[in-house]
Amino acid sequence: MTKPAEKVLSEALGLAARERAEIAAKLIASLDDEPDEDVEAAWAAEVERRVEAVEAGRANLVPWEDLERRVEREIRKR
């Protein structure tokens, strides 16, 4: 990492968590290429399909606490 980049990082790490999150999101977004319209449309359709399934009672919902425990168990196995 260059000295200017190290300086920016050091200053950013001194910010509040919310500010760091905003900066991180903007930096990550800056790495993305132009959005692929087909991919965006496919994601939008998938989101609509899932919302419809939840609203119709067809989705198998899992409480966050259960999912969190399952993920933690999987991580510990590694």
C-alpha atoms as a PDB file:
ATOM      1  CA  MET A   1       0.000   0.000   0.000  1.00  0.00           C
ATOM      2  CA  THR A   2       1.310   3.429  -0.869  1.00  0.00           C
ATOM      3  CA  LYS A   3       1.961   6.063   1.785  1.00  0.00           C
ATOM      4  CA  PRO A   4      -1.004   8.210   0.652  1.00  0.00           C
ATOM      5  CA  ALA A   5      -3.277   5.149   0.830  1.00  0.00           C
ATOM      6  CA  GLU A   6      -1.958   4.286   4.295  1.00  0.00           C
ATOM      7  CA  LYS A   7      -2.681   7.861   5.413  1.00  0.00           C
ATOM      8  CA  VAL A   8      -6.251   7.712   4.069  1.00  0.00           C
ATOM      9  CA  LEU A   9      -6.802   4.342   5.742  1.00  0.00           C
ATOM     10  CA  SER A  10      -5.412   5.566   9.039  1.00  0.00           C
ATOM     11  CA  GLU A  11      -7.672   8.615   8.991  1.00  0.00           C
ATOM     12  CA  ALA A  12     -10.694   6.551   7.975  1.00  0.00           C
ATOM     13  CA  LEU A  13     -10.134   4.096  10.817  1.00  0.00           C
ATOM     14  CA  GLY A  14     -10.414   7.013  13.231  1.00  0.00           C
ATOM     15  CA  LEU A  15     -13.983   7.737  12.118  1.00  0.00           C
ATOM     16  CA  ALA A  16     -17.159   6.495  13.733  1.00  0.00           C
ATOM     17  CA  ALA A  17     -18.385   3.076  12.641  1.00  0.00           C
ATOM     18  CA  ARG A  18     -21.284   4.545  10.649  1.00  0.00           C
ATOM     19  CA  GLU A  19     -18.954   6.826   8.694  1.00  0.00           C
ATOM     20  CA  ARG A  20     -16.535   3.953   8.017  1.00  0.00           C
ATOM     21  CA  ALA A  21     -19.429   1.820   6.764  1.00  0.00           C
ATOM     22  CA  GLU A  22     -20.559   4.570   4.390  1.00  0.00           C
ATOM     23  CA  ILE A  23     -17.035   4.995   3.047  1.00  0.00           C
ATOM     24  CA  ALA A  24     -16.592   1.226   2.672  1.00  0.00           C
ATOM     25  CA  ALA A  25     -19.877   0.932   0.769  1.00  0.00           C
ATOM     26  CA  LYS A  26     -18.881   3.725  -1.594  1.00  0.00           C
ATOM     27  CA  LEU A  27     -15.436   2.230  -2.172  1.00  0.00           C
ATOM     28  CA  ILE A  28     -16.899  -1.191  -2.918  1.00  0.00           C
ATOM     29  CA  ALA A  29     -19.487   0.328  -5.255  1.00  0.00           C
ATOM     30  CA  SER A  30     -16.693   2.140  -7.094  1.00  0.00           C
ATOM     31  CA  LEU A  31     -15.141  -1.230  -7.978  1.00  0.00           C
ATOM     32  CA  ASP A  32     -18.242  -2.462  -9.771  1.00  0.00           C
ATOM     33  CA  ASP A  33     -18.456  -2.268 -13.517  1.00  0.00           C
ATOM     34  CA  GLU A  34     -21.533  -0.908 -15.181  1.00  0.00           C
ATOM     35  CA  PRO A  35     -24.542  -2.875 -13.986  1.00  0.00           C
ATOM     36  CA  ASP A  36     -25.646  -5.683 -16.275  1.00  0.00           C
ATOM     37  CA  GLU A  37     -29.286  -4.937 -17.048  1.00  0.00           C
ATOM     38  CA  ASP A  38     -30.115  -8.632 -17.516  1.00  0.00           C
ATOM     39  CA  VAL A  39     -28.631  -9.486 -14.119  1.00  0.00           C
ATOM     40  CA  GLU A  40     -30.411  -6.573 -12.459  1.00  0.00           C
ATOM     41  CA  ALA A  41     -33.723  -7.652 -14.012  1.00  0.00           C
ATOM     42  CA  ALA A  42     -33.172 -11.257 -12.926  1.00  0.00           C
ATOM     43  CA  TRP A  43     -32.460 -10.165  -9.331  1.00  0.00           C
ATOM     44  CA  ALA A  44     -35.534  -7.924  -9.313  1.00  0.00           C
ATOM     45  CA  ALA A  45     -37.685 -10.831 -10.529  1.00  0.00           C
ATOM     46  CA  GLU A  46     -36.190 -13.140  -7.880  1.00  0.00           C
ATOM     47  CA  VAL A  47     -36.862 -10.620  -5.119  1.00  0.00           C
ATOM     48  CA  GLU A  48     -40.462 -10.262  -6.303  1.00  0.00           C
ATOM     49  CA  ARG A  49     -40.847 -14.066  -6.417  1.00  0.00           C
ATOM     50  CA  ARG A  50     -39.544 -14.407  -2.862  1.00  0.00           C
ATOM     51  CA  VAL A  51     -41.700 -11.597  -1.493  1.00  0.00           C
ATOM     52  CA  GLU A  52     -44.731 -13.179  -3.118  1.00  0.00           C
ATOM     53  CA  ALA A  53     -43.857 -16.560  -1.582  1.00  0.00           C
ATOM     54  CA  VAL A  54     -43.545 -15.003   1.887  1.00  0.00           C
ATOM     55  CA  GLU A  55     -46.779 -13.079   1.557  1.00  0.00           C
ATOM     56  CA  ALA A  56     -48.614 -16.181   0.312  1.00  0.00           C
ATOM     57  CA  GLY A  57     -47.261 -18.288   3.190  1.00  0.00           C
ATOM     58  CA  ARG A  58     -45.344 -20.632   0.873  1.00  0.00           C
ATOM     59  CA  ALA A  59     -41.887 -19.664   2.166  1.00  0.00           C
ATOM     60  CA  ASN A  60     -40.187 -21.663   4.896  1.00  0.00           C
ATOM     61  CA  LEU A  61     -39.039 -18.858   7.186  1.00  0.00           C
ATOM     62  CA  VAL A  62     -36.372 -19.443   9.824  1.00  0.00           C
ATOM     63  CA  PRO A  63     -35.912 -17.215  12.887  1.00  0.00           C
ATOM     64  CA  TRP A  64     -32.677 -15.223  12.752  1.00  0.00           C
ATOM     65  CA  GLU A  65     -31.434 -16.751  16.006  1.00  0.00           C
ATOM     66  CA  ASP A  66     -31.731 -20.275  14.572  1.00  0.00           C
ATOM     67  CA  LEU A  67     -29.923 -19.324  11.386  1.00  0.00           C
ATOM     68  CA  GLU A  68     -27.195 -17.546  13.331  1.00  0.00           C
ATOM     69  CA  ARG A  69     -26.561 -20.656  15.464  1.00  0.00           C
ATOM     70  CA  ARG A  70     -26.473 -22.866  12.364  1.00  0.00           C
ATOM     71  CA  VAL A  71     -23.956 -20.576  10.645  1.00  0.00           C
ATOM     72  CA  GLU A  72     -21.777 -20.450  13.759  1.00  0.00           C
ATOM     73  CA  ARG A  73     -21.775 -24.276  13.952  1.00  0.00           C
ATOM     74  CA  GLU A  74     -20.746 -24.495  10.306  1.00  0.00           C
ATOM     75  CA  ILE A  75     -17.924 -22.002  10.833  1.00  0.00           C
ATOM     76  CA  ARG A  76     -16.616 -23.905  13.879  1.00  0.00           C
ATOM     77  CA  LYS A  77     -16.494 -27.139  11.843  1.00  0.00           C
ATOM     78  CA  ARG A  78     -13.947 -25.616   9.465  1.00  0.00           C
END
